[in-house]
Amino acid sequence: MPLPDHHWLETERTRMRPFEEEDAGHAFAWFSDPSVMQFIPGGADLTPEDSRRRIHRYREHQRHHGFSKRLILHRETGKPIGDSGLYHLPDGKRIELGFRLAKPYWGQGYASEVGRAWLAWFDTHHPGTPLFADVHADHLRSRRVLEKLGFDLSHSETILGMPMLIYRRR
């Protein structure tokens, strides 16, 4: 079942909504940060246009699959703080959970919080469907979040030219 564009996914401290074209300027702040994008295949966006193209891909994915990466807004301030959501791995068959936060929001539990919200949505709308996540072996923080969320290491594979660990939800 698709996640309607107008539907907000909410947690105690965040609200998540589909990306809009106008979000590229805000999102460029973390999409262009080499620290944030260090373990992302393709690396950091070099220009705001790169971020617009990325957001366009997310919007197209939403249109075709009923889910995608979404903008994370801090509930109290309304400020964009990152993105998270569900996206197809390059094989087009497996669905992955992903989360990415602007550096000032690292280490505060936001990734686990938004991850739990996506798992609840996924369980309701795709019961029995396996869920995956890909993460670089050196990205220890994300690996710990995935383990907290109930994912186990499955195997390794190359994703878009980068060696990654593939986790599968228990």
N, C-alpha and C. Protein backbone atom coordinates (compact mmCIF):
# COMPACT_ATOMS: atom_id res chain seq x y z
N MET A 1 0.85 -1.18 0.00
CA MET A 1 0.00 0.00 0.00
C MET A 1 0.89 1.24 0.00
N PRO A 2 0.63 2.19 -0.87
CA PRO A 2 1.47 3.38 -0.94
C PRO A 2 1.30 4.28 0.27
N LEU A 3 2.35 5.01 0.54
CA LEU A 3 2.31 6.03 1.59
C LEU A 3 1.93 7.33 0.89
N PRO A 4 0.71 7.84 1.12
CA PRO A 4 0.28 9.03 0.38
C PRO A 4 1.22 10.20 0.61
N ASP A 5 1.34 11.03 -0.41
CA ASP A 5 2.23 12.18 -0.31
C ASP A 5 1.90 13.08 0.88
N HIS A 6 0.62 13.18 1.22
CA HIS A 6 0.23 14.09 2.30
C HIS A 6 0.42 13.47 3.68
N HIS A 7 0.72 12.19 3.75
CA HIS A 7 0.83 11.50 5.03
C HIS A 7 2.14 11.84 5.73
N TRP A 8 2.04 12.25 6.97
CA TRP A 8 3.20 12.51 7.80
C TRP A 8 3.48 11.27 8.62
N LEU A 9 4.73 10.89 8.71
CA LEU A 9 5.17 9.83 9.61
C LEU A 9 5.78 10.55 10.80
N GLU A 10 5.29 10.26 12.00
CA GLU A 10 5.70 11.05 13.16
C GLU A 10 6.29 10.20 14.26
N THR A 11 7.23 10.80 14.98
CA THR A 11 7.81 10.20 16.18
C THR A 11 7.69 11.24 17.29
N GLU A 12 8.20 10.89 18.44
CA GLU A 12 8.13 11.82 19.57
C GLU A 12 8.81 13.15 19.26
N ARG A 13 9.96 13.10 18.57
CA ARG A 13 10.73 14.33 18.34
C ARG A 13 10.80 14.77 16.89
N THR A 14 10.20 13.98 15.96
CA THR A 14 10.33 14.31 14.54
C THR A 14 9.00 14.17 13.81
N ARG A 15 8.98 14.77 12.64
CA ARG A 15 7.91 14.56 11.66
C ARG A 15 8.62 14.33 10.34
N MET A 16 8.14 13.36 9.56
CA MET A 16 8.75 13.06 8.26
C MET A 16 7.70 13.20 7.18
N ARG A 17 8.10 13.88 6.12
CA ARG A 17 7.19 14.08 4.99
C ARG A 17 7.97 13.86 3.70
N PRO A 18 7.23 13.63 2.62
CA PRO A 18 7.91 13.48 1.33
C PRO A 18 8.73 14.73 1.00
N PHE A 19 9.82 14.52 0.32
CA PHE A 19 10.62 15.64 -0.16
C PHE A 19 9.82 16.43 -1.18
N GLU A 20 10.05 17.73 -1.19
CA GLU A 20 9.53 18.62 -2.22
C GLU A 20 10.74 19.21 -2.93
N GLU A 21 10.55 19.64 -4.15
CA GLU A 21 11.67 20.20 -4.92
C GLU A 21 12.37 21.31 -4.16
N GLU A 22 11.60 22.12 -3.43
CA GLU A 22 12.16 23.26 -2.71
C GLU A 22 13.05 22.86 -1.54
N ASP A 23 13.06 21.59 -1.17
CA ASP A 23 13.86 21.13 -0.03
C ASP A 23 15.34 20.98 -0.37
N ALA A 24 15.69 21.08 -1.63
CA ALA A 24 17.08 20.84 -2.04
C ALA A 24 18.05 21.77 -1.33
N GLY A 25 17.69 23.02 -1.15
CA GLY A 25 18.58 23.96 -0.47
C GLY A 25 18.90 23.54 0.95
N HIS A 26 17.87 23.12 1.70
CA HIS A 26 18.09 22.66 3.07
C HIS A 26 18.87 21.35 3.08
N ALA A 27 18.47 20.41 2.23
CA ALA A 27 19.08 19.08 2.22
C ALA A 27 20.53 19.12 1.76
N PHE A 28 20.87 20.10 0.92
CA PHE A 28 22.25 20.23 0.45
C PHE A 28 23.21 20.36 1.64
N ALA A 29 22.72 20.91 2.76
CA ALA A 29 23.57 21.07 3.94
C ALA A 29 24.15 19.73 4.40
N TRP A 30 23.36 18.66 4.39
CA TRP A 30 23.93 17.36 4.79
C TRP A 30 24.33 16.52 3.59
N PHE A 31 23.63 16.65 2.46
CA PHE A 31 24.03 15.88 1.27
C PHE A 31 25.42 16.28 0.78
N SER A 32 25.87 17.49 1.09
CA SER A 32 27.18 17.96 0.64
C SER A 32 28.26 17.82 1.72
N ASP A 33 27.88 17.39 2.90
CA ASP A 33 28.83 17.28 4.01
C ASP A 33 29.62 15.97 3.88
N PRO A 34 30.94 16.07 3.65
CA PRO A 34 31.74 14.85 3.47
C PRO A 34 31.68 13.90 4.67
N SER A 35 31.51 14.43 5.88
CA SER A 35 31.39 13.56 7.06
C SER A 35 30.10 12.76 7.03
N VAL A 36 29.01 13.41 6.65
CA VAL A 36 27.71 12.75 6.61
C VAL A 36 27.68 11.72 5.47
N MET A 37 28.29 12.07 4.35
CA MET A 37 28.19 11.24 3.15
C MET A 37 29.38 10.29 2.94
N GLN A 38 30.27 10.23 3.91
CA GLN A 38 31.49 9.43 3.79
C GLN A 38 31.22 7.98 3.40
N PHE A 39 30.19 7.39 3.94
CA PHE A 39 29.92 5.97 3.72
C PHE A 39 28.76 5.73 2.75
N ILE A 40 28.40 6.74 1.98
CA ILE A 40 27.30 6.64 1.02
C ILE A 40 27.88 6.43 -0.37
N PRO A 41 27.48 5.36 -1.08
CA PRO A 41 27.98 5.19 -2.45
C PRO A 41 27.73 6.45 -3.28
N GLY A 42 28.73 6.89 -3.98
CA GLY A 42 28.62 8.12 -4.77
C GLY A 42 29.11 9.35 -4.03
N GLY A 43 29.16 9.26 -2.69
CA GLY A 43 29.70 10.36 -1.90
C GLY A 43 28.81 11.58 -1.84
N ALA A 44 29.43 12.68 -1.41
CA ALA A 44 28.72 13.93 -1.17
C ALA A 44 28.28 14.60 -2.47
N ASP A 45 27.15 15.29 -2.39
CA ASP A 45 26.71 16.12 -3.52
C ASP A 45 27.65 17.31 -3.62
N LEU A 46 28.05 17.66 -4.83
CA LEU A 46 28.98 18.77 -5.03
C LEU A 46 28.28 20.09 -5.25
N THR A 47 27.03 20.04 -5.73
CA THR A 47 26.29 21.27 -6.02
C THR A 47 24.84 21.12 -5.55
N PRO A 48 24.16 22.23 -5.35
CA PRO A 48 22.72 22.14 -5.04
C PRO A 48 21.95 21.40 -6.13
N GLU A 49 22.41 21.49 -7.37
CA GLU A 49 21.75 20.77 -8.47
C GLU A 49 21.84 19.26 -8.24
N ASP A 50 22.97 18.78 -7.72
CA ASP A 50 23.10 17.35 -7.38
C ASP A 50 22.02 16.96 -6.37
N SER A 51 21.80 17.80 -5.38
CA SER A 51 20.77 17.51 -4.37
C SER A 51 19.38 17.55 -4.98
N ARG A 52 19.14 18.47 -5.91
CA ARG A 52 17.84 18.50 -6.61
C ARG A 52 17.62 17.20 -7.37
N ARG A 53 18.67 16.70 -8.04
CA ARG A 53 18.54 15.43 -8.77
C ARG A 53 18.27 14.27 -7.82
N ARG A 54 18.95 14.26 -6.68
CA ARG A 54 18.74 13.20 -5.68
C ARG A 54 17.29 13.23 -5.21
N ILE A 55 16.79 14.41 -4.88
CA ILE A 55 15.41 14.54 -4.42
C ILE A 55 14.43 14.14 -5.52
N HIS A 56 14.74 14.47 -6.75
CA HIS A 56 13.90 14.04 -7.87
C HIS A 56 13.81 12.51 -7.92
N ARG A 57 14.94 11.83 -7.73
CA ARG A 57 14.93 10.35 -7.71
C ARG A 57 14.06 9.84 -6.57
N TYR A 58 14.15 10.48 -5.40
CA TYR A 58 13.32 10.06 -4.27
C TYR A 58 11.84 10.26 -4.59
N ARG A 59 11.49 11.36 -5.22
CA ARG A 59 10.10 11.64 -5.57
C ARG A 59 9.59 10.64 -6.61
N GLU A 60 10.42 10.30 -7.57
CA GLU A 60 10.04 9.29 -8.57
C GLU A 60 9.86 7.92 -7.92
N HIS A 61 10.75 7.58 -7.00
CA HIS A 61 10.63 6.30 -6.28
C HIS A 61 9.30 6.27 -5.52
N GLN A 62 8.96 7.36 -4.85
CA GLN A 62 7.69 7.45 -4.13
C GLN A 62 6.52 7.22 -5.09
N ARG A 63 6.58 7.85 -6.24
CA ARG A 63 5.49 7.75 -7.22
C ARG A 63 5.34 6.30 -7.72
N HIS A 64 6.46 5.62 -7.94
CA HIS A 64 6.41 4.26 -8.49
C HIS A 64 6.17 3.16 -7.45
N HIS A 65 6.64 3.37 -6.22
CA HIS A 65 6.61 2.29 -5.23
C HIS A 65 5.74 2.57 -4.01
N GLY A 66 5.33 3.82 -3.84
CA GLY A 66 4.49 4.15 -2.69
C GLY A 66 5.26 4.44 -1.42
N PHE A 67 6.57 4.48 -1.50
CA PHE A 67 7.42 4.82 -0.35
C PHE A 67 8.76 5.31 -0.90
N SER A 68 9.48 6.03 -0.06
CA SER A 68 10.80 6.52 -0.45
C SER A 68 11.47 7.14 0.76
N LYS A 69 12.60 7.79 0.51
CA LYS A 69 13.26 8.58 1.56
C LYS A 69 12.43 9.83 1.78
N ARG A 70 12.38 10.28 3.03
CA ARG A 70 11.60 11.45 3.41
C ARG A 70 12.46 12.43 4.19
N LEU A 71 12.05 13.66 4.17
CA LEU A 71 12.70 14.71 4.93
C LEU A 71 12.33 14.56 6.40
N ILE A 72 13.32 14.60 7.27
CA ILE A 72 13.08 14.56 8.73
C ILE A 72 13.07 16.00 9.22
N LEU A 73 11.98 16.38 9.86
CA LEU A 73 11.87 17.70 10.46
C LEU A 73 11.87 17.56 11.98
N HIS A 74 12.62 18.41 12.64
CA HIS A 74 12.61 18.45 14.11
C HIS A 74 11.24 18.94 14.54
N ARG A 75 10.55 18.17 15.34
CA ARG A 75 9.16 18.48 15.70
C ARG A 75 9.04 19.84 16.39
N GLU A 76 9.93 20.15 17.29
CA GLU A 76 9.83 21.37 18.08
C GLU A 76 10.15 22.63 17.26
N THR A 77 11.18 22.54 16.40
CA THR A 77 11.63 23.73 15.67
C THR A 77 11.15 23.78 14.22
N GLY A 78 10.75 22.63 13.67
CA GLY A 78 10.38 22.54 12.26
C GLY A 78 11.58 22.53 11.32
N LYS A 79 12.77 22.52 11.88
CA LYS A 79 14.00 22.57 11.07
C LYS A 79 14.31 21.20 10.44
N PRO A 80 14.67 21.18 9.15
CA PRO A 80 15.11 19.92 8.53
C PRO A 80 16.41 19.44 9.16
N ILE A 81 16.44 18.15 9.56
CA ILE A 81 17.63 17.63 10.24
C ILE A 81 18.22 16.41 9.54
N GLY A 82 17.59 15.92 8.49
CA GLY A 82 18.10 14.74 7.80
C GLY A 82 17.04 14.11 6.92
N ASP A 83 17.32 12.87 6.54
CA ASP A 83 16.35 12.13 5.74
C ASP A 83 16.38 10.67 6.16
N SER A 84 15.27 9.99 5.94
CA SER A 84 15.18 8.57 6.26
C SER A 84 14.05 7.97 5.44
N GLY A 85 14.05 6.65 5.38
CA GLY A 85 12.95 6.01 4.70
C GLY A 85 13.31 4.68 4.11
N LEU A 86 12.47 4.25 3.20
CA LEU A 86 12.60 2.96 2.55
C LEU A 86 12.88 3.20 1.07
N TYR A 87 13.75 2.38 0.52
CA TYR A 87 14.16 2.56 -0.87
C TYR A 87 14.58 1.20 -1.40
N HIS A 88 14.39 0.98 -2.68
CA HIS A 88 14.83 -0.28 -3.27
C HIS A 88 16.34 -0.28 -3.44
N LEU A 89 16.96 -1.38 -3.07
CA LEU A 89 18.37 -1.57 -3.39
C LEU A 89 18.51 -1.63 -4.91
N PRO A 90 19.71 -1.45 -5.45
CA PRO A 90 19.88 -1.41 -6.91
C PRO A 90 19.34 -2.63 -7.65
N ASP A 91 19.19 -3.78 -6.97
CA ASP A 91 18.64 -4.96 -7.66
C ASP A 91 17.16 -4.79 -7.98
N GLY A 92 16.52 -3.75 -7.40
CA GLY A 92 15.11 -3.48 -7.67
C GLY A 92 14.15 -4.43 -6.98
N LYS A 93 14.66 -5.38 -6.22
CA LYS A 93 13.82 -6.38 -5.56
C LYS A 93 13.78 -6.19 -4.05
N ARG A 94 14.94 -5.96 -3.45
CA ARG A 94 15.02 -5.83 -2.00
C ARG A 94 14.75 -4.39 -1.58
N ILE A 95 14.05 -4.25 -0.47
CA ILE A 95 13.76 -2.94 0.10
C ILE A 95 14.72 -2.72 1.27
N GLU A 96 15.28 -1.51 1.33
CA GLU A 96 16.20 -1.19 2.41
C GLU A 96 15.68 -0.05 3.26
N LEU A 97 16.03 -0.07 4.53
CA LEU A 97 15.80 1.04 5.45
C LEU A 97 17.06 1.88 5.47
N GLY A 98 16.89 3.20 5.41
CA GLY A 98 18.04 4.08 5.49
C GLY A 98 17.73 5.31 6.31
N PHE A 99 18.76 5.91 6.87
CA PHE A 99 18.63 7.14 7.65
C PHE A 99 19.95 7.89 7.55
N ARG A 100 19.82 9.21 7.53
CA ARG A 100 20.99 10.07 7.40
C ARG A 100 20.65 11.37 8.12
N LEU A 101 21.51 11.80 9.02
CA LEU A 101 21.25 13.00 9.80
C LEU A 101 22.35 14.02 9.63
N ALA A 102 21.97 15.31 9.68
CA ALA A 102 22.96 16.38 9.70
C ALA A 102 23.82 16.19 10.96
N LYS A 103 25.07 16.52 10.86
CA LYS A 103 26.05 16.24 11.91
C LYS A 103 25.63 16.74 13.31
N PRO A 104 25.02 17.92 13.45
CA PRO A 104 24.64 18.36 14.81
C PRO A 104 23.65 17.42 15.51
N TYR A 105 23.03 16.50 14.77
CA TYR A 105 22.01 15.62 15.34
C TYR A 105 22.51 14.19 15.55
N TRP A 106 23.80 13.96 15.32
CA TRP A 106 24.38 12.64 15.54
C TRP A 106 24.41 12.33 17.04
N GLY A 107 24.29 11.04 17.34
CA GLY A 107 24.47 10.56 18.71
C GLY A 107 23.36 10.93 19.68
N GLN A 108 22.20 11.33 19.18
CA GLN A 108 21.10 11.73 20.05
C GLN A 108 19.89 10.79 19.96
N GLY A 109 20.04 9.67 19.26
CA GLY A 109 18.97 8.69 19.18
C GLY A 109 17.96 8.92 18.08
N TYR A 110 18.18 9.92 17.22
CA TYR A 110 17.21 10.19 16.15
C TYR A 110 17.14 9.05 15.14
N ALA A 111 18.27 8.45 14.79
CA ALA A 111 18.27 7.38 13.79
C ALA A 111 17.42 6.20 14.28
N SER A 112 17.60 5.81 15.53
CA SER A 112 16.79 4.71 16.08
C SER A 112 15.32 5.08 16.13
N GLU A 113 15.05 6.32 16.50
CA GLU A 113 13.66 6.79 16.62
C GLU A 113 12.94 6.77 15.28
N VAL A 114 13.56 7.33 14.24
CA VAL A 114 12.90 7.32 12.94
C VAL A 114 12.88 5.91 12.36
N GLY A 115 13.92 5.13 12.63
CA GLY A 115 13.95 3.75 12.17
C GLY A 115 12.78 2.94 12.72
N ARG A 116 12.49 3.10 14.01
CA ARG A 116 11.35 2.38 14.61
C ARG A 116 10.03 2.78 13.94
N ALA A 117 9.89 4.07 13.61
CA ALA A 117 8.65 4.51 12.95
C ALA A 117 8.51 3.85 11.58
N TRP A 118 9.61 3.77 10.84
CA TRP A 118 9.55 3.13 9.52
C TRP A 118 9.27 1.64 9.66
N LEU A 119 9.83 0.99 10.67
CA LEU A 119 9.57 -0.45 10.85
C LEU A 119 8.09 -0.69 11.14
N ALA A 120 7.50 0.16 11.97
CA ALA A 120 6.06 0.01 12.26
C ALA A 120 5.24 0.19 10.98
N TRP A 121 5.59 1.19 10.17
CA TRP A 121 4.87 1.40 8.91
C TRP A 121 5.05 0.19 7.99
N PHE A 122 6.27 -0.29 7.88
CA PHE A 122 6.58 -1.41 7.01
C PHE A 122 5.81 -2.67 7.43
N ASP A 123 5.79 -2.94 8.74
CA ASP A 123 5.08 -4.12 9.24
C ASP A 123 3.59 -4.06 8.94
N THR A 124 3.02 -2.87 8.96
CA THR A 124 1.60 -2.70 8.66
C THR A 124 1.31 -2.88 7.17
N HIS A 125 2.17 -2.33 6.33
CA HIS A 125 1.88 -2.28 4.90
C HIS A 125 2.57 -3.36 4.07
N HIS A 126 3.58 -4.00 4.61
CA HIS A 126 4.31 -5.05 3.89
C HIS A 126 4.59 -6.24 4.82
N PRO A 127 3.57 -6.76 5.50
CA PRO A 127 3.82 -7.85 6.45
C PRO A 127 4.45 -9.06 5.76
N GLY A 128 5.42 -9.62 6.42
CA GLY A 128 6.08 -10.82 5.89
C GLY A 128 7.14 -10.55 4.84
N THR A 129 7.29 -9.31 4.42
CA THR A 129 8.30 -8.97 3.41
C THR A 129 9.64 -8.75 4.10
N PRO A 130 10.69 -9.36 3.59
CA PRO A 130 12.00 -9.13 4.21
C PRO A 130 12.45 -7.68 4.03
N LEU A 131 13.15 -7.17 5.02
CA LEU A 131 13.66 -5.80 4.97
C LEU A 131 15.17 -5.84 5.20
N PHE A 132 15.87 -5.03 4.43
CA PHE A 132 17.34 -5.02 4.45
C PHE A 132 17.85 -3.62 4.78
N ALA A 133 19.14 -3.54 4.99
CA ALA A 133 19.84 -2.27 5.10
C ALA A 133 21.26 -2.52 4.63
N ASP A 134 21.83 -1.53 3.95
CA ASP A 134 23.23 -1.66 3.56
C ASP A 134 24.03 -0.60 4.29
N VAL A 135 25.21 -0.99 4.73
CA VAL A 135 26.04 -0.09 5.52
C VAL A 135 27.51 -0.43 5.27
N HIS A 136 28.33 0.58 5.22
CA HIS A 136 29.77 0.38 5.06
C HIS A 136 30.30 -0.25 6.35
N ALA A 137 31.25 -1.16 6.21
CA ALA A 137 31.80 -1.88 7.38
C ALA A 137 32.36 -0.93 8.43
N ASP A 138 32.91 0.20 8.01
CA ASP A 138 33.52 1.14 8.96
C ASP A 138 32.51 2.09 9.61
N HIS A 139 31.27 2.03 9.20
CA HIS A 139 30.25 2.94 9.76
C HIS A 139 29.65 2.29 11.00
N LEU A 140 30.41 2.32 12.07
CA LEU A 140 30.05 1.60 13.29
C LEU A 140 28.77 2.13 13.94
N ARG A 141 28.55 3.43 13.90
CA ARG A 141 27.33 3.99 14.50
C ARG A 141 26.08 3.44 13.82
N SER A 142 26.07 3.44 12.49
CA SER A 142 24.90 2.92 11.78
C SER A 142 24.73 1.43 12.01
N ARG A 143 25.83 0.71 12.08
CA ARG A 143 25.74 -0.72 12.35
C ARG A 143 25.09 -0.97 13.70
N ARG A 144 25.46 -0.20 14.72
CA ARG A 144 24.86 -0.35 16.05
C ARG A 144 23.37 -0.02 16.03
N VAL A 145 22.99 1.03 15.30
CA VAL A 145 21.57 1.38 15.19
C VAL A 145 20.80 0.23 14.55
N LEU A 146 21.33 -0.32 13.47
CA LEU A 146 20.65 -1.43 12.80
C LEU A 146 20.48 -2.62 13.74
N GLU A 147 21.51 -2.92 14.51
CA GLU A 147 21.41 -4.04 15.45
C GLU A 147 20.36 -3.77 16.52
N LYS A 148 20.29 -2.52 17.02
CA LYS A 148 19.25 -2.15 17.98
C LYS A 148 17.86 -2.31 17.39
N LEU A 149 17.74 -2.06 16.08
CA LEU A 149 16.44 -2.14 15.41
C LEU A 149 16.08 -3.57 15.00
N GLY A 150 16.94 -4.53 15.31
CA GLY A 150 16.60 -5.93 15.02
C GLY A 150 17.14 -6.47 13.71
N PHE A 151 18.21 -5.88 13.20
CA PHE A 151 18.85 -6.37 11.98
C PHE A 151 20.09 -7.18 12.33
N ASP A 152 20.35 -8.21 11.54
CA ASP A 152 21.56 -9.02 11.68
C ASP A 152 22.34 -8.96 10.38
N LEU A 153 23.65 -9.08 10.50
CA LEU A 153 24.51 -9.11 9.32
C LEU A 153 24.18 -10.34 8.49
N SER A 154 23.93 -10.14 7.20
CA SER A 154 23.61 -11.22 6.28
C SER A 154 24.82 -11.58 5.44
N HIS A 155 25.38 -10.60 4.74
CA HIS A 155 26.49 -10.85 3.83
C HIS A 155 27.08 -9.51 3.38
N SER A 156 28.07 -9.57 2.54
CA SER A 156 28.62 -8.34 1.97
C SER A 156 28.43 -8.39 0.46
N GLU A 157 28.31 -7.20 -0.12
CA GLU A 157 28.23 -7.09 -1.57
C GLU A 157 28.61 -5.66 -1.95
N THR A 158 28.88 -5.46 -3.21
CA THR A 158 29.22 -4.14 -3.70
C THR A 158 27.94 -3.45 -4.16
N ILE A 159 27.70 -2.26 -3.61
CA ILE A 159 26.53 -1.46 -3.96
C ILE A 159 27.04 -0.18 -4.62
N LEU A 160 26.67 0.00 -5.89
CA LEU A 160 27.07 1.19 -6.64
C LEU A 160 28.56 1.48 -6.49
N GLY A 161 29.35 0.41 -6.58
CA GLY A 161 30.80 0.55 -6.58
C GLY A 161 31.45 0.58 -5.20
N MET A 162 30.68 0.51 -4.13
CA MET A 162 31.24 0.57 -2.78
C MET A 162 30.98 -0.75 -2.05
N PRO A 163 32.02 -1.33 -1.43
CA PRO A 163 31.79 -2.55 -0.65
C PRO A 163 30.92 -2.23 0.57
N MET A 164 29.84 -2.98 0.73
CA MET A 164 28.88 -2.74 1.80
C MET A 164 28.54 -4.04 2.52
N LEU A 165 28.13 -3.91 3.76
CA LEU A 165 27.57 -5.03 4.51
C LEU A 165 26.06 -4.95 4.34
N ILE A 166 25.45 -6.09 4.11
CA ILE A 166 24.00 -6.15 3.97
C ILE A 166 23.44 -6.77 5.24
N TYR A 167 22.58 -6.01 5.88
CA TYR A 167 21.89 -6.48 7.07
C TYR A 167 20.47 -6.87 6.68
N ARG A 168 19.94 -7.86 7.39
CA ARG A 168 18.56 -8.30 7.17
C ARG A 168 17.83 -8.27 8.51
N ARG A 169 16.61 -7.79 8.48
CA ARG A 169 15.83 -7.72 9.70
C ARG A 169 15.43 -9.11 10.14
N ARG A 170 15.57 -9.35 11.45
CA ARG A 170 15.16 -10.63 12.04
C ARG A 170 13.67 -10.80 11.95
